[in-house]
């Protein structure tokens, strides 16, 4: 292992360390979260590590991490099926992990709309084929610089700072990997939209032309604000009746 790679691994380990005082409790019971997720959903995670702090600062967002839910399958051969995701971890690279990894963290489900089962299969296959790829260590160094000093970076530049990695095809960060996966099935996340005048049936009409943005510019926040993903809240999805709530009378 070369000096730069060794330093990158050490830096990744430092940035991955949790900061417990920044942990917010989950708003969804883990079992309810598991029942609500559907194959192909994107799960956003707030995160509480130094690395998460850098991502949230640069994106001005709650969300620092994104993973794709791939359904229930054994973690190890012969084991019981359990809810599984694929993500890109700063230390372990692209990996397949159990939902329990994020069970007690603040999360959000973003659900792409109208995907047929065969499109979801292609999406999952794309992610699965990249398991074992390493995290982009150049991106680690770039984010570390802005975490340590936290300069007053103008808002319009922050997204560019997320995309400072090497761009090598065998390296990835979580949001760029997911952006590439959805791009592979031509599903939009947050494209640039151009409005043009066209003619349909002899009448002039406005049409929207979608332009794919470079995958390296995507952040976890983009799945949250995308007009093409539903925000699914487990408590509401399971059926919610405010009249059935039990309130404490203390302090009334």
Foldseek 3Di string as FASTA:
>chain_A
DDPLVVVLLVLLVQQQDFDVVPFDWEPDQLVLVQVPDDAFKKKFFQGGGLQSVLQCLLQVDSTAFIWGWHQWDDPDPPHGTATWIWFQGQNQGTAIDGPVVRRTGYMWIWAFPDDDPVLSVQLVVLSVVLHRQHAQSQLSVLSVVCSVVVDPDDNVCSLVSQLPGPPDPSHHHGQLSSLVSCVVSPGDQDFDWDWDWDADPNDIDIDIDTDHDRSSSTGPCSSVPGPRIDIDDSQVVVPDDPVPDDDDPPPD
